[in-house]
Amino acid sequence: MRYALPWPRKPAGRSPWEVEASADRERRSAAGRSHTLPRRAIAAAALGNATEWFDYGIYAYGLAYISAALFPGSAASATLFALGTFAISFLIRPLGGLFWGPLGDRFGRKRVLALTVLLMSGATLLVGLLPTYATAGWLAPAALIALRMIQGFSTGGEYGGAATFMAEYAPDERRGFCGSFLEFATLAGFSLGALLMLAASLLLGNDAMHAWGWRLPFLVAAPLGLVGCYLRSRIEDTPVFRELEAQIEKAAHARPAVSLRALLRDYRLPLVLLGGLVVALNVVNYVLLAYMPTYMHKELGVSENLSLLIPLLGMLAMMVMLPFAGHLSDRLGRKRLWWFSLIGLFVAAVPMFELMHHGVIGALIGFSVLGLLYVPQLATISATFPAMFPTHVRYAGMAIAYNLSTSLFGGTAPIVSDWLVDKTGSALVPAYYMMAACAVGAIALLFVIETRGCSLRGHTVPGKTR
């Protein structure tokens, strides 16, 4: 027997308010995903970049201990060997760019970036496990050189890919602000490495640091690399790259591999211009960040710990200003900020280096002023450089041009500066070197296209008039 319910049966369809509520939930969910994905992409790209610069920080700030442990001879000759080894990793970077860049354009950004961060962190970890020269003889510096070459090879695909990944995920109108966090991670990684080396030095003392303490910061690279690999493997590839993939699938043909000859033929001008900008960017960068502790200790007579602390404080001030500079570039354009930075550094380099000779306070002010003048360049790299190439060659173009210029003028800046100071007897040589690099960058900047707000999609160079 069937009984009738005491209330009317609910219709099978949904009421209008339920339909609207469901649509509203879907819109909020999509909006939430659209905001979450760029943040996850920023974190994934930034952590890998921080891992790269973490290695530079501990190497630059632990140079005295590393040179004593792994190289023979006097302190001066061992330091020169250690600086040379630092430069060797940069000489191999163009090969890494040639290898990883085309892979990133062909198979996707995230796959390559997951591999490069594992290679970088693994090599850094192994540096902390090397035997000393007293134990293994020339095997110790040879192993260090091999590991630095692995780091250079992996880094050849790291920065160009991370900047491309960041730029292609960021909204066009906020690319400068989002990209500034990649450089925030650069200084955060460098500062963390420097801070760990300084903290170990203060807590353990000089004898323990020379005996074994210098190894501890290198061991931190392993968890950093694992976390970076996990984040990069868990996120989708960039919307710009996926859109290109969909177009190729729709056309039902395989992706054509762009040869190095075709890249040099069709995109010669942006390759040369990017290389010129990188000369200015990285000479200033490596003189200020990598060479400054050695310079302050050797040339200014600052104690070892203070020569580590002063640049660290300056870098913290730079980190605070990076997002503001990135946001300003979205409003005023990248080129205006670069002009301000290049002219400011050219004018202020010599006065600030002279100021550094007037005690600890002078050294802190001089470094901080130069660092803050450098911020407008640093904050806009990942918004400016990837936008100089179209999607299908963006990773390769940036990786090759960036790493070739960096290998010649970036990683060599510390050893060239140190050698020129010794040969000339002038402590102002690094300032002159920075000025020359800024002049090269200014010449290149004259011909660079402003890409503020331009879309990165498509097969044409962003911002280029047809």
Foldseek 3Di string as FASTA:
>chain_A
DDDDDPDDDDDPDDDPVVVVVVVVVVVVVVVVCLVVQLVLLLVLLQLLLLLLLLLLQLCLLCLQLLLLFAHDDDSVVSSLLSLVLLLLLLLLLLVLLQPQLLVCLAPHLLVLQLVLLQQQLVLLLVLLVAHGCVVVNNVRVVSSSVSSNSNSSSVLQRPLSSLLQSQLSDALLQSLLSLLSSLLSSLVSSLVSLVQNLVLCVVVHDVCSNVRSSSVSSNVSNVSSVVSSVSSVPHDGGPQSVVVVVVCVVVPDHDDRQDPVNCCVVQVLLLVLLLLQLLLLQLLVCVLRRQQLVLCVPPQVDDSSLSSVLSSVLSVVLSVCLSVLSNVCSVVFLLVLLVQLLVQLLVLLQVLLVQCNVDSVSVSVSSNSNSNSSSSVSSCCSVAQLLQAASSSSSSSSSNSNSVSCSVRHSCSNSVLVVVCVVVVDSSVSSVSSNVSSVSSVVSSVPGATQNSWDRHDHDRTRDDD
